[in-house]
Every structure is written in C-alpha cells, then in structure tokens.
Amino acid sequence: MSRRFLLVGLTGGIATGKSTVSETLRRLGAVVIDADRLAHEVVEPGQPALAAIVQEFGREALRADGTLDRKRVAAIVFADPERRRKLEAITHPAIRDRFLARLAELEAQGFEGLVFWDAPVMIEAGGHKAMDRLVVVLTDSATQLERAVGRDGDRADVERRIANQMALGEKAKLADHVIDNSGDRAATEARTREVHAALLAEAQRLSGR
C-alpha cells in the first residue's frame, strides 16, 4: 500500500460504547476520524448540504437560529425509508469528501500507524469494504437497550433506531477484531489495548518497518 498507515473501520451500534473505545485508541496514539463529527460539520450554516436539505425537507428542517433541527429531521427519516435515502444522498457524499481529504492530509504528512474511521452505520452503507481491517464494538442486547434509553430517554425511539441497524451479531461475523463492551470500562479498555497492539504490529509489518 502507498500510505504508511493501516486504515481500520470502527463500528458497532447504538449505545455499544464506541466512544470509550475511541477515547482509548486516541490515548494510544491512533488517529480517529469521527463520522458523526463530520456529519455535523457538513450541515453547518452556509454548507451546500444544509441548503440541499432545506430544499428537500422545507424550512421546518431548521431551528429559529438557522441551524439544522436534527431531532425533527431524524424523526422524519426514521419513519420513512425513502426520505432517509434522500437525506443520505445529500450528506454521505459530503462526509466522504471530508474523510478522503483528511486521509490525504495524513498521507502527505507521512503519518505512520493506525487510522480509525469511526462510523455507526459503516457496514449498512457498505463502507467497510474500503477498510484494511474492521473492528466491531458490541454488547448484549439488554445492556444496549438499557444504556440507550438511559442516554436518550425515549424507549420507543431507541427500539426503532436499533431495529433500523444491522444486528450486532451479524456485524461481528464481518469483523477482524471484536471488542465486547458488555462489562465494565476497565475490561473494555484492556481489550481495546489488545486490539490496538495487534493492529499496530500488522501496520508495521505492512509498511516494512
């Protein structure tokens, strides 16, 4: 490979604990590119994607201050797969462009090591096929539901969102490494360090170091 880093997909599901894994990976020196953060950036006021969303969904997609009303739009698209596809057709290309630009920056800088693409619906969107390796963070279904409801409050909404994602067990079958976050934080961090070490050794082999 021409670049000197290993590109690793990091995915899971709602409330499986990817943030804990991402924080640990950053502390270990990896670069983590957060798809959710890029998704927020591309719909900021003045961005072409926001204008396209308003054209598709109307002015009610905006808050009074001109920013995207993410909760209102989410309620619309989770209830209507066709509207969801239209939203993704607007946002996904813009997110992908920013992601590729960030990779180009890292390559130009000669970065060596691990770069993680942290994206919750990576497999559903087919993005995992472009990764060198894939890490899936999972937890048992009861823990996932409890954590998500505790965080977001609306059980019906959480159940609908979980149902819209691929089952964690199916994602795990595609993974090169699985991090089970059903236990406590210390156990998750320990497992993350193991996975990081294995991937870093692989990156060094591939780059000839």
N, C-alpha and C. Protein backbone atom coordinates (compact mmCIF):
# COMPACT_ATOMS: atom_id res chain seq x y z
N MET A 1 0.85 -1.19 0.00
CA MET A 1 0.00 0.00 0.00
C MET A 1 0.89 1.24 0.00
N SER A 2 0.44 2.32 -0.67
CA SER A 2 1.27 3.51 -0.78
C SER A 2 1.32 4.29 0.52
N ARG A 3 0.21 4.36 1.23
CA ARG A 3 0.22 5.07 2.50
C ARG A 3 0.91 4.22 3.57
N ARG A 4 1.35 4.89 4.61
CA ARG A 4 2.14 4.22 5.64
C ARG A 4 1.32 3.93 6.90
N PHE A 5 0.01 4.04 6.77
CA PHE A 5 -0.85 3.71 7.92
C PHE A 5 -1.87 2.66 7.52
N LEU A 6 -2.37 1.95 8.53
CA LEU A 6 -3.42 0.96 8.33
C LEU A 6 -4.76 1.65 8.57
N LEU A 7 -5.67 1.54 7.62
CA LEU A 7 -6.99 2.17 7.74
C LEU A 7 -7.96 1.14 8.30
N VAL A 8 -8.50 1.43 9.48
CA VAL A 8 -9.31 0.46 10.21
C VAL A 8 -10.72 1.02 10.42
N GLY A 9 -11.72 0.27 10.01
CA GLY A 9 -13.09 0.66 10.29
C GLY A 9 -13.44 0.33 11.73
N LEU A 10 -14.11 1.26 12.40
CA LEU A 10 -14.57 1.06 13.77
C LEU A 10 -16.07 1.30 13.80
N THR A 11 -16.83 0.27 14.12
CA THR A 11 -18.28 0.40 14.09
C THR A 11 -18.90 -0.44 15.19
N GLY A 12 -20.21 -0.34 15.30
CA GLY A 12 -20.93 -1.08 16.33
C GLY A 12 -22.40 -0.79 16.18
N GLY A 13 -23.04 -0.36 17.22
CA GLY A 13 -24.44 0.01 17.17
C GLY A 13 -24.71 1.10 18.19
N ILE A 14 -25.97 1.48 18.31
CA ILE A 14 -26.36 2.50 19.28
C ILE A 14 -25.99 2.02 20.69
N ALA A 15 -25.30 2.88 21.42
CA ALA A 15 -25.00 2.64 22.84
C ALA A 15 -24.19 1.36 23.10
N THR A 16 -23.34 1.01 22.14
CA THR A 16 -22.46 -0.15 22.38
C THR A 16 -21.14 0.26 23.01
N GLY A 17 -20.87 1.55 23.10
CA GLY A 17 -19.66 2.01 23.79
C GLY A 17 -18.49 2.34 22.88
N LYS A 18 -18.78 2.72 21.63
CA LYS A 18 -17.69 3.08 20.72
C LYS A 18 -16.91 4.28 21.23
N SER A 19 -17.57 5.19 21.94
CA SER A 19 -16.86 6.39 22.43
C SER A 19 -15.75 6.01 23.40
N THR A 20 -16.01 5.03 24.25
CA THR A 20 -14.98 4.56 25.18
C THR A 20 -13.80 3.98 24.42
N VAL A 21 -14.10 3.20 23.40
CA VAL A 21 -13.04 2.60 22.57
C VAL A 21 -12.27 3.68 21.84
N SER A 22 -12.96 4.66 21.26
CA SER A 22 -12.30 5.74 20.52
C SER A 22 -11.37 6.54 21.43
N GLU A 23 -11.84 6.86 22.62
CA GLU A 23 -11.01 7.62 23.57
C GLU A 23 -9.73 6.85 23.89
N THR A 24 -9.86 5.55 24.11
CA THR A 24 -8.69 4.73 24.43
C THR A 24 -7.73 4.69 23.26
N LEU A 25 -8.25 4.54 22.06
CA LEU A 25 -7.39 4.49 20.87
C LEU A 25 -6.63 5.79 20.68
N ARG A 26 -7.30 6.92 20.92
CA ARG A 26 -6.62 8.21 20.79
C ARG A 26 -5.48 8.33 21.80
N ARG A 27 -5.73 7.87 23.01
CA ARG A 27 -4.67 7.92 24.04
C ARG A 27 -3.48 7.06 23.66
N LEU A 28 -3.73 6.02 22.89
CA LEU A 28 -2.66 5.12 22.46
C LEU A 28 -1.92 5.64 21.22
N GLY A 29 -2.35 6.78 20.70
CA GLY A 29 -1.63 7.40 19.59
C GLY A 29 -2.26 7.22 18.23
N ALA A 30 -3.41 6.55 18.16
CA ALA A 30 -4.08 6.37 16.88
C ALA A 30 -4.83 7.65 16.50
N VAL A 31 -5.04 7.82 15.20
CA VAL A 31 -5.91 8.88 14.71
C VAL A 31 -7.31 8.30 14.55
N VAL A 32 -8.31 8.97 15.12
CA VAL A 32 -9.70 8.52 14.98
C VAL A 32 -10.47 9.62 14.27
N ILE A 33 -11.00 9.30 13.10
CA ILE A 33 -11.83 10.23 12.34
C ILE A 33 -13.29 9.87 12.60
N ASP A 34 -14.02 10.79 13.18
CA ASP A 34 -15.37 10.55 13.67
C ASP A 34 -16.40 10.93 12.61
N ALA A 35 -17.10 9.94 12.08
CA ALA A 35 -18.11 10.21 11.05
C ALA A 35 -19.22 11.12 11.56
N ASP A 36 -19.62 10.95 12.83
CA ASP A 36 -20.68 11.80 13.38
C ASP A 36 -20.24 13.27 13.42
N ARG A 37 -18.97 13.48 13.75
CA ARG A 37 -18.46 14.87 13.78
C ARG A 37 -18.48 15.46 12.37
N LEU A 38 -18.04 14.69 11.39
CA LEU A 38 -18.07 15.19 10.01
C LEU A 38 -19.51 15.43 9.57
N ALA A 39 -20.43 14.56 10.02
CA ALA A 39 -21.83 14.73 9.66
C ALA A 39 -22.39 16.05 10.20
N HIS A 40 -21.92 16.46 11.37
CA HIS A 40 -22.33 17.76 11.92
C HIS A 40 -21.71 18.91 11.11
N GLU A 41 -20.45 18.74 10.73
CA GLU A 41 -19.76 19.81 10.01
C GLU A 41 -20.39 20.11 8.66
N VAL A 42 -20.81 19.06 7.94
CA VAL A 42 -21.30 19.27 6.57
C VAL A 42 -22.69 19.91 6.54
N VAL A 43 -23.38 19.97 7.67
CA VAL A 43 -24.70 20.61 7.68
C VAL A 43 -24.70 21.90 8.50
N GLU A 44 -23.52 22.46 8.71
CA GLU A 44 -23.45 23.76 9.39
C GLU A 44 -24.00 24.85 8.45
N PRO A 45 -24.49 25.95 9.01
CA PRO A 45 -24.99 27.04 8.17
C PRO A 45 -23.95 27.47 7.14
N GLY A 46 -24.41 27.64 5.91
CA GLY A 46 -23.52 28.04 4.83
C GLY A 46 -23.00 26.87 4.01
N GLN A 47 -23.16 25.66 4.51
CA GLN A 47 -22.68 24.49 3.77
C GLN A 47 -23.72 24.07 2.71
N PRO A 48 -23.24 23.63 1.54
CA PRO A 48 -24.17 23.23 0.47
C PRO A 48 -25.15 22.13 0.90
N ALA A 49 -24.70 21.20 1.74
CA ALA A 49 -25.58 20.11 2.16
C ALA A 49 -26.79 20.63 2.93
N LEU A 50 -26.59 21.67 3.74
CA LEU A 50 -27.72 22.20 4.50
C LEU A 50 -28.74 22.83 3.56
N ALA A 51 -28.25 23.55 2.57
CA ALA A 51 -29.17 24.15 1.60
C ALA A 51 -29.97 23.07 0.87
N ALA A 52 -29.31 21.96 0.54
CA ALA A 52 -29.99 20.87 -0.15
C ALA A 52 -31.03 20.20 0.75
N ILE A 53 -30.74 20.11 2.04
CA ILE A 53 -31.70 19.53 2.98
C ILE A 53 -32.94 20.42 3.10
N VAL A 54 -32.73 21.71 3.16
CA VAL A 54 -33.86 22.64 3.24
C VAL A 54 -34.72 22.54 1.98
N GLN A 55 -34.07 22.40 0.82
CA GLN A 55 -34.80 22.26 -0.43
C GLN A 55 -35.65 20.99 -0.43
N GLU A 56 -35.12 19.92 0.17
CA GLU A 56 -35.81 18.63 0.18
C GLU A 56 -36.88 18.56 1.27
N PHE A 57 -36.56 19.08 2.48
CA PHE A 57 -37.44 18.89 3.63
C PHE A 57 -38.21 20.15 4.04
N GLY A 58 -37.86 21.28 3.44
CA GLY A 58 -38.56 22.51 3.77
C GLY A 58 -37.90 23.27 4.91
N ARG A 59 -38.37 24.51 5.12
CA ARG A 59 -37.78 25.37 6.16
C ARG A 59 -37.99 24.81 7.56
N GLU A 60 -38.96 23.90 7.72
CA GLU A 60 -39.19 23.33 9.05
C GLU A 60 -38.04 22.42 9.49
N ALA A 61 -37.10 22.15 8.58
CA ALA A 61 -35.92 21.38 8.94
C ALA A 61 -34.92 22.20 9.74
N LEU A 62 -35.18 23.52 9.83
CA LEU A 62 -34.26 24.42 10.52
C LEU A 62 -34.84 24.88 11.85
N ARG A 63 -33.93 25.14 12.79
CA ARG A 63 -34.31 25.84 14.02
C ARG A 63 -34.42 27.32 13.73
N ALA A 64 -34.86 28.06 14.73
CA ALA A 64 -35.04 29.51 14.56
C ALA A 64 -33.72 30.21 14.25
N ASP A 65 -32.61 29.65 14.73
CA ASP A 65 -31.31 30.29 14.52
C ASP A 65 -30.66 29.89 13.19
N GLY A 66 -31.38 29.12 12.38
CA GLY A 66 -30.86 28.75 11.07
C GLY A 66 -30.03 27.47 11.04
N THR A 67 -29.86 26.83 12.19
CA THR A 67 -29.14 25.56 12.22
C THR A 67 -30.11 24.41 11.99
N LEU A 68 -29.56 23.26 11.62
CA LEU A 68 -30.39 22.10 11.33
C LEU A 68 -31.07 21.59 12.59
N ASP A 69 -32.37 21.34 12.49
CA ASP A 69 -33.10 20.72 13.60
C ASP A 69 -32.95 19.21 13.44
N ARG A 70 -31.87 18.69 14.00
CA ARG A 70 -31.51 17.29 13.77
C ARG A 70 -32.58 16.33 14.31
N LYS A 71 -33.18 16.69 15.44
CA LYS A 71 -34.17 15.81 16.04
C LYS A 71 -35.41 15.72 15.16
N ARG A 72 -35.84 16.83 14.61
CA ARG A 72 -37.03 16.83 13.75
C ARG A 72 -36.76 16.03 12.47
N VAL A 73 -35.60 16.27 11.85
CA VAL A 73 -35.28 15.55 10.62
C VAL A 73 -35.11 14.05 10.89
N ALA A 74 -34.48 13.72 12.02
CA ALA A 74 -34.30 12.31 12.37
C ALA A 74 -35.65 11.61 12.51
N ALA A 75 -36.61 12.29 13.14
CA ALA A 75 -37.94 11.70 13.32
C ALA A 75 -38.60 11.42 11.97
N ILE A 76 -38.38 12.31 11.01
CA ILE A 76 -38.96 12.14 9.68
C ILE A 76 -38.34 10.95 8.97
N VAL A 77 -36.99 10.90 8.97
CA VAL A 77 -36.33 9.88 8.14
C VAL A 77 -36.38 8.49 8.76
N PHE A 78 -36.44 8.40 10.08
CA PHE A 78 -36.54 7.08 10.69
C PHE A 78 -37.92 6.47 10.45
N ALA A 79 -38.90 7.31 10.19
CA ALA A 79 -40.26 6.82 9.93
C ALA A 79 -40.52 6.55 8.45
N ASP A 80 -39.61 7.01 7.59
CA ASP A 80 -39.84 6.91 6.15
C ASP A 80 -38.52 6.57 5.44
N PRO A 81 -38.32 5.31 5.07
CA PRO A 81 -37.06 4.88 4.44
C PRO A 81 -36.70 5.67 3.19
N GLU A 82 -37.71 6.07 2.41
CA GLU A 82 -37.42 6.83 1.19
C GLU A 82 -36.86 8.20 1.52
N ARG A 83 -37.42 8.87 2.54
CA ARG A 83 -36.88 10.18 2.95
C ARG A 83 -35.47 10.01 3.53
N ARG A 84 -35.26 8.90 4.21
CA ARG A 84 -33.93 8.64 4.76
C ARG A 84 -32.91 8.49 3.63
N ARG A 85 -33.27 7.78 2.58
CA ARG A 85 -32.36 7.61 1.45
C ARG A 85 -32.04 8.96 0.80
N LYS A 86 -33.03 9.82 0.73
CA LYS A 86 -32.80 11.15 0.14
C LYS A 86 -31.85 11.97 1.01
N LEU A 87 -32.01 11.87 2.32
CA LEU A 87 -31.10 12.59 3.22
C LEU A 87 -29.67 12.06 3.07
N GLU A 88 -29.54 10.75 3.02
CA GLU A 88 -28.21 10.15 2.89
C GLU A 88 -27.57 10.52 1.56
N ALA A 89 -28.37 10.63 0.51
CA ALA A 89 -27.84 11.01 -0.80
C ALA A 89 -27.27 12.43 -0.77
N ILE A 90 -27.77 13.25 0.15
CA ILE A 90 -27.26 14.61 0.30
C ILE A 90 -26.00 14.63 1.17
N THR A 91 -26.07 13.95 2.32
CA THR A 91 -25.00 14.09 3.30
C THR A 91 -23.81 13.16 3.08
N HIS A 92 -24.06 11.93 2.62
CA HIS A 92 -22.96 10.96 2.52
C HIS A 92 -21.84 11.39 1.58
N PRO A 93 -22.14 11.94 0.39
CA PRO A 93 -21.03 12.39 -0.45
C PRO A 93 -20.20 13.50 0.19
N ALA A 94 -20.86 14.41 0.89
CA ALA A 94 -20.14 15.50 1.56
C ALA A 94 -19.26 14.96 2.69
N ILE A 95 -19.78 14.00 3.44
CA ILE A 95 -18.99 13.38 4.50
C ILE A 95 -17.80 12.63 3.91
N ARG A 96 -18.04 11.88 2.84
CA ARG A 96 -16.97 11.11 2.20
C ARG A 96 -15.86 12.03 1.70
N ASP A 97 -16.22 13.18 1.13
CA ASP A 97 -15.21 14.11 0.63
C ASP A 97 -14.33 14.61 1.76
N ARG A 98 -14.92 14.92 2.90
CA ARG A 98 -14.13 15.38 4.04
C ARG A 98 -13.23 14.28 4.59
N PHE A 99 -13.77 13.07 4.61
CA PHE A 99 -13.00 11.92 5.07
C PHE A 99 -11.78 11.69 4.18
N LEU A 100 -11.99 11.70 2.87
CA LEU A 100 -10.89 11.47 1.94
C LEU A 100 -9.86 12.59 2.01
N ALA A 101 -10.33 13.81 2.24
CA ALA A 101 -9.39 14.93 2.38
C ALA A 101 -8.51 14.76 3.62
N ARG A 102 -9.11 14.26 4.69
CA ARG A 102 -8.34 14.02 5.93
C ARG A 102 -7.31 12.91 5.72
N LEU A 103 -7.70 11.86 5.00
CA LEU A 103 -6.74 10.79 4.70
C LEU A 103 -5.59 11.32 3.86
N ALA A 104 -5.90 12.18 2.88
CA ALA A 104 -4.86 12.75 2.03
C ALA A 104 -3.89 13.59 2.85
N GLU A 105 -4.42 14.33 3.83
CA GLU A 105 -3.56 15.12 4.71
C GLU A 105 -2.60 14.23 5.49
N LEU A 106 -3.13 13.15 6.05
CA LEU A 106 -2.31 12.24 6.83
C LEU A 106 -1.24 11.57 5.97
N GLU A 107 -1.63 11.21 4.75
CA GLU A 107 -0.67 10.60 3.84
C GLU A 107 0.44 11.59 3.48
N ALA A 108 0.05 12.85 3.23
CA ALA A 108 1.04 13.87 2.88
C ALA A 108 1.99 14.15 4.03
N GLN A 109 1.47 14.01 5.25
CA GLN A 109 2.30 14.22 6.44
C GLN A 109 3.21 13.03 6.74
N GLY A 110 3.00 11.92 6.02
CA GLY A 110 3.78 10.72 6.26
C GLY A 110 3.41 10.02 7.55
N PHE A 111 2.15 10.18 7.98
CA PHE A 111 1.73 9.55 9.23
C PHE A 111 1.88 8.04 9.15
N GLU A 112 2.41 7.46 10.22
CA GLU A 112 2.58 6.01 10.31
C GLU A 112 1.80 5.50 11.51
N GLY A 113 1.18 4.34 11.36
CA GLY A 113 0.44 3.77 12.49
C GLY A 113 -0.96 3.39 12.09
N LEU A 114 -1.93 3.80 12.94
CA LEU A 114 -3.31 3.38 12.75
C LEU A 114 -4.24 4.58 12.60
N VAL A 115 -5.10 4.50 11.61
CA VAL A 115 -6.15 5.50 11.42
C VAL A 115 -7.49 4.76 11.46
N PHE A 116 -8.35 5.18 12.38
CA PHE A 116 -9.66 4.54 12.54
C PHE A 116 -10.75 5.44 11.98
N TRP A 117 -11.64 4.85 11.18
CA TRP A 117 -12.82 5.54 10.67
C TRP A 117 -13.99 5.08 11.52
N ASP A 118 -14.42 5.94 12.44
CA ASP A 118 -15.46 5.63 13.41
C ASP A 118 -16.81 6.02 12.84
N ALA A 119 -17.57 5.00 12.40
CA ALA A 119 -18.85 5.27 11.74
C ALA A 119 -19.89 4.24 12.18
N PRO A 120 -21.03 4.69 12.72
CA PRO A 120 -22.01 3.75 13.28
C PRO A 120 -22.70 2.86 12.26
N VAL A 121 -22.93 3.35 11.04
CA VAL A 121 -23.63 2.54 10.04
C VAL A 121 -22.71 2.20 8.87
N MET A 122 -21.45 2.00 9.18
CA MET A 122 -20.46 1.72 8.14
C MET A 122 -20.81 0.48 7.31
N ILE A 123 -21.18 -0.60 7.99
CA ILE A 123 -21.46 -1.85 7.28
C ILE A 123 -22.74 -1.72 6.46
N GLU A 124 -23.77 -1.11 7.06
CA GLU A 124 -25.04 -0.93 6.34
C GLU A 124 -24.83 -0.14 5.05
N ALA A 125 -23.91 0.82 5.08
CA ALA A 125 -23.66 1.66 3.91
C ALA A 125 -22.61 1.07 2.97
N GLY A 126 -22.01 -0.06 3.35
CA GLY A 126 -21.01 -0.71 2.52
C GLY A 126 -19.62 -0.14 2.65
N GLY A 127 -19.43 0.83 3.56
CA GLY A 127 -18.14 1.48 3.69
C GLY A 127 -17.03 0.59 4.23
N HIS A 128 -17.41 -0.50 4.90
CA HIS A 128 -16.39 -1.40 5.47
C HIS A 128 -15.54 -2.06 4.40
N LYS A 129 -16.06 -2.12 3.18
CA LYS A 129 -15.32 -2.77 2.09
C LYS A 129 -14.08 -1.97 1.69
N ALA A 130 -14.05 -0.69 2.03
CA ALA A 130 -12.90 0.15 1.69
C ALA A 130 -11.85 0.18 2.81
N MET A 131 -12.11 -0.52 3.90
CA MET A 131 -11.19 -0.53 5.03
C MET A 131 -10.15 -1.66 4.89
N ASP A 132 -8.97 -1.45 5.47
CA ASP A 132 -7.98 -2.53 5.52
C ASP A 132 -8.39 -3.59 6.53
N ARG A 133 -8.94 -3.15 7.64
CA ARG A 133 -9.39 -4.06 8.69
C ARG A 133 -10.66 -3.49 9.31
N LEU A 134 -11.40 -4.34 10.03
CA LEU A 134 -12.67 -3.91 10.62
C LEU A 134 -12.73 -4.35 12.08
N VAL A 135 -13.08 -3.40 12.96
CA VAL A 135 -13.28 -3.67 14.38
C VAL A 135 -14.74 -3.37 14.71
N VAL A 136 -15.40 -4.31 15.35
CA VAL A 136 -16.80 -4.13 15.75
C VAL A 136 -16.89 -4.12 17.27
N VAL A 137 -17.54 -3.09 17.81
CA VAL A 137 -17.79 -2.97 19.24
C VAL A 137 -19.23 -3.42 19.49
N LEU A 138 -19.39 -4.35 20.40
CA LEU A 138 -20.74 -4.84 20.66
C LEU A 138 -21.00 -5.00 22.16
N THR A 139 -22.25 -5.20 22.46
CA THR A 139 -22.69 -5.50 23.82
C THR A 139 -23.94 -6.37 23.70
N ASP A 140 -24.36 -6.96 24.81
CA ASP A 140 -25.58 -7.76 24.72
C ASP A 140 -26.78 -6.84 24.54
N SER A 141 -27.85 -7.37 23.96
CA SER A 141 -28.99 -6.55 23.57
C SER A 141 -29.66 -5.85 24.75
N ALA A 142 -29.74 -6.53 25.90
CA ALA A 142 -30.38 -5.92 27.07
C ALA A 142 -29.58 -4.72 27.56
N THR A 143 -28.25 -4.87 27.59
CA THR A 143 -27.39 -3.77 28.02
C THR A 143 -27.45 -2.62 27.04
N GLN A 144 -27.46 -2.94 25.75
CA GLN A 144 -27.55 -1.90 24.73
C GLN A 144 -28.82 -1.07 24.89
N LEU A 145 -29.95 -1.76 25.06
CA LEU A 145 -31.22 -1.05 25.20
C LEU A 145 -31.24 -0.20 26.47
N GLU A 146 -30.75 -0.77 27.57
CA GLU A 146 -30.74 -0.04 28.84
C GLU A 146 -29.88 1.22 28.75
N ARG A 147 -28.71 1.09 28.15
CA ARG A 147 -27.82 2.25 28.02
C ARG A 147 -28.41 3.31 27.11
N ALA A 148 -29.00 2.87 26.00
CA ALA A 148 -29.55 3.83 25.04
C ALA A 148 -30.74 4.58 25.62
N VAL A 149 -31.62 3.88 26.32
CA VAL A 149 -32.78 4.53 26.94
C VAL A 149 -32.31 5.47 28.05
N GLY A 150 -31.30 5.05 28.81
CA GLY A 150 -30.77 5.90 29.87
C GLY A 150 -30.17 7.19 29.32
N ARG A 151 -29.60 7.09 28.12
CA ARG A 151 -28.98 8.26 27.49
C ARG A 151 -29.99 9.14 26.77
N ASP A 152 -30.92 8.50 26.01
CA ASP A 152 -31.81 9.25 25.13
C ASP A 152 -33.23 9.40 25.67
N GLY A 153 -33.64 8.52 26.58
CA GLY A 153 -34.90 8.70 27.27
C GLY A 153 -36.14 8.10 26.63
N ASP A 154 -36.18 8.03 25.32
CA ASP A 154 -37.39 7.60 24.61
C ASP A 154 -37.23 6.14 24.18
N ARG A 155 -37.86 5.21 24.91
CA ARG A 155 -37.68 3.79 24.62
C ARG A 155 -38.17 3.41 23.22
N ALA A 156 -39.33 3.92 22.83
CA ALA A 156 -39.88 3.57 21.51
C ALA A 156 -38.94 4.04 20.40
N ASP A 157 -38.41 5.25 20.56
CA ASP A 157 -37.49 5.78 19.55
C ASP A 157 -36.22 4.96 19.50
N VAL A 158 -35.69 4.59 20.67
CA VAL A 158 -34.47 3.78 20.72
C VAL A 158 -34.70 2.43 20.06
N GLU A 159 -35.80 1.78 20.37
CA GLU A 159 -36.09 0.47 19.78
C GLU A 159 -36.20 0.57 18.26
N ARG A 160 -36.79 1.64 17.77
CA ARG A 160 -36.92 1.83 16.33
C ARG A 160 -35.55 2.02 15.68
N ARG A 161 -34.70 2.80 16.33
CA ARG A 161 -33.37 3.05 15.78
C ARG A 161 -32.53 1.78 15.78
N ILE A 162 -32.62 0.99 16.84
CA ILE A 162 -31.88 -0.28 16.89
C ILE A 162 -32.36 -1.21 15.79
N ALA A 163 -33.67 -1.25 15.58
CA ALA A 163 -34.24 -2.12 14.55
C ALA A 163 -33.80 -1.72 13.15
N ASN A 164 -33.46 -0.44 12.96
CA ASN A 164 -33.04 0.05 11.66
C ASN A 164 -31.58 -0.28 11.36
N GLN A 165 -30.85 -0.79 12.35
CA GLN A 165 -29.45 -1.14 12.14
C GLN A 165 -29.30 -2.66 12.04
N MET A 166 -28.23 -3.07 11.36
CA MET A 166 -27.93 -4.49 11.27
C MET A 166 -27.68 -5.05 12.66
N ALA A 167 -28.10 -6.29 12.89
CA ALA A 167 -27.88 -6.93 14.19
C ALA A 167 -26.39 -7.00 14.51
N LEU A 168 -26.05 -6.77 15.77
CA LEU A 168 -24.65 -6.74 16.16
C LEU A 168 -23.95 -8.07 15.88
N GLY A 169 -24.67 -9.17 16.06
CA GLY A 169 -24.09 -10.48 15.79
C GLY A 169 -23.69 -10.65 14.34
N GLU A 170 -24.49 -10.06 13.43
CA GLU A 170 -24.16 -10.13 12.00
C GLU A 170 -22.95 -9.26 11.69
N LYS A 171 -22.86 -8.10 12.34
CA LYS A 171 -21.68 -7.24 12.14
C LYS A 171 -20.41 -7.95 12.63
N ALA A 172 -20.52 -8.62 13.76
CA ALA A 172 -19.35 -9.29 14.34
C ALA A 172 -18.79 -10.34 13.41
N LYS A 173 -19.65 -10.98 12.60
CA LYS A 173 -19.18 -12.01 11.68
C LYS A 173 -18.25 -11.44 10.61
N LEU A 174 -18.36 -10.15 10.34
CA LEU A 174 -17.55 -9.50 9.32
C LEU A 174 -16.26 -8.90 9.89
N ALA A 175 -16.13 -8.89 11.21
CA ALA A 175 -15.04 -8.19 11.87
C ALA A 175 -13.74 -8.99 11.87
N ASP A 176 -12.63 -8.24 11.80
CA ASP A 176 -11.32 -8.84 12.05
C ASP A 176 -11.05 -8.92 13.55
N HIS A 177 -11.61 -7.97 14.29
CA HIS A 177 -11.49 -7.95 15.74
C HIS A 177 -12.81 -7.50 16.34
N VAL A 178 -13.20 -8.10 17.45
CA VAL A 178 -14.42 -7.74 18.17
C VAL A 178 -14.06 -7.26 19.57
N ILE A 179 -14.65 -6.15 19.99
CA ILE A 179 -14.47 -5.64 21.35
C ILE A 179 -15.83 -5.72 22.04
N ASP A 180 -15.92 -6.58 23.04
CA ASP A 180 -17.18 -6.76 23.78
C ASP A 180 -17.22 -5.77 24.94
N ASN A 181 -18.18 -4.86 24.88
CA ASN A 181 -18.30 -3.82 25.90
C ASN A 181 -19.47 -4.09 26.84
N SER A 182 -19.76 -5.37 27.07
CA SER A 182 -20.85 -5.72 27.98
C SER A 182 -20.45 -5.56 29.44
N GLY A 183 -19.14 -5.59 29.71
CA GLY A 183 -18.66 -5.50 31.08
C GLY A 183 -18.35 -4.08 31.50
N ASP A 184 -17.37 -3.94 32.41
CA ASP A 184 -17.04 -2.60 32.90
C ASP A 184 -16.03 -1.91 31.99
N ARG A 185 -15.81 -0.64 32.27
CA ARG A 185 -14.94 0.18 31.42
C ARG A 185 -13.51 -0.36 31.39
N ALA A 186 -13.02 -0.83 32.53
CA ALA A 186 -11.65 -1.33 32.59
C ALA A 186 -11.45 -2.51 31.65
N ALA A 187 -12.44 -3.40 31.60
CA ALA A 187 -12.34 -4.56 30.71
C ALA A 187 -12.36 -4.13 29.25
N THR A 188 -13.19 -3.16 28.94
CA THR A 188 -13.26 -2.67 27.56
C THR A 188 -11.94 -2.02 27.16
N GLU A 189 -11.37 -1.22 28.04
CA GLU A 189 -10.10 -0.56 27.74
C GLU A 189 -8.99 -1.58 27.57
N ALA A 190 -8.98 -2.63 28.39
CA ALA A 190 -7.95 -3.66 28.28
C ALA A 190 -8.06 -4.38 26.93
N ARG A 191 -9.27 -4.72 26.53
CA ARG A 191 -9.47 -5.38 25.25
C ARG A 191 -9.09 -4.46 24.10
N THR A 192 -9.40 -3.17 24.23
CA THR A 192 -9.04 -2.20 23.19
C THR A 192 -7.53 -2.12 23.03
N ARG A 193 -6.80 -2.15 24.13
CA ARG A 193 -5.33 -2.13 24.05
C ARG A 193 -4.80 -3.37 23.33
N GLU A 194 -5.43 -4.51 23.59
CA GLU A 194 -5.02 -5.75 22.89
C GLU A 194 -5.22 -5.62 21.38
N VAL A 195 -6.38 -5.12 20.99
CA VAL A 195 -6.69 -4.97 19.57
C VAL A 195 -5.75 -3.95 18.94
N HIS A 196 -5.50 -2.86 19.63
CA HIS A 196 -4.60 -1.83 19.13
C HIS A 196 -3.21 -2.40 18.90
N ALA A 197 -2.71 -3.17 19.84
CA ALA A 197 -1.37 -3.75 19.72
C ALA A 197 -1.28 -4.69 18.51
N ALA A 198 -2.32 -5.51 18.33
CA ALA A 198 -2.32 -6.45 17.20
C ALA A 198 -2.35 -5.71 15.87
N LEU A 199 -3.18 -4.67 15.78
CA LEU A 199 -3.28 -3.91 14.54
C LEU A 199 -2.01 -3.11 14.27
N LEU A 200 -1.41 -2.56 15.32
CA LEU A 200 -0.19 -1.78 15.14
C LEU A 200 0.95 -2.66 14.64
N ALA A 201 1.05 -3.87 15.18
CA ALA A 201 2.07 -4.80 14.71
C ALA A 201 1.86 -5.12 13.24
N GLU A 202 0.59 -5.26 12.84
CA GLU A 202 0.28 -5.54 11.44
C GLU A 202 0.63 -4.36 10.56
N ALA A 203 0.33 -3.15 11.02
CA ALA A 203 0.66 -1.95 10.26
C ALA A 203 2.15 -1.85 10.05
N GLN A 204 2.93 -2.18 11.07
CA GLN A 204 4.37 -2.09 10.95
C GLN A 204 4.91 -3.13 9.98
N ARG A 205 4.31 -4.32 9.96
CA ARG A 205 4.73 -5.34 9.01
C ARG A 205 4.43 -4.90 7.58
N LEU A 206 3.26 -4.37 7.37
CA LEU A 206 2.86 -3.97 6.02
C LEU A 206 3.69 -2.81 5.48
N SER A 207 4.15 -1.94 6.37
CA SER A 207 4.95 -0.80 5.93
C SER A 207 6.43 -1.14 5.88
N GLY A 208 6.78 -2.37 6.23
CA GLY A 208 8.17 -2.80 6.12
C GLY A 208 9.06 -2.36 7.24
N ARG A 209 8.44 -1.94 8.35
CA ARG A 209 9.27 -1.50 9.47
C ARG A 209 9.48 -2.65 10.46
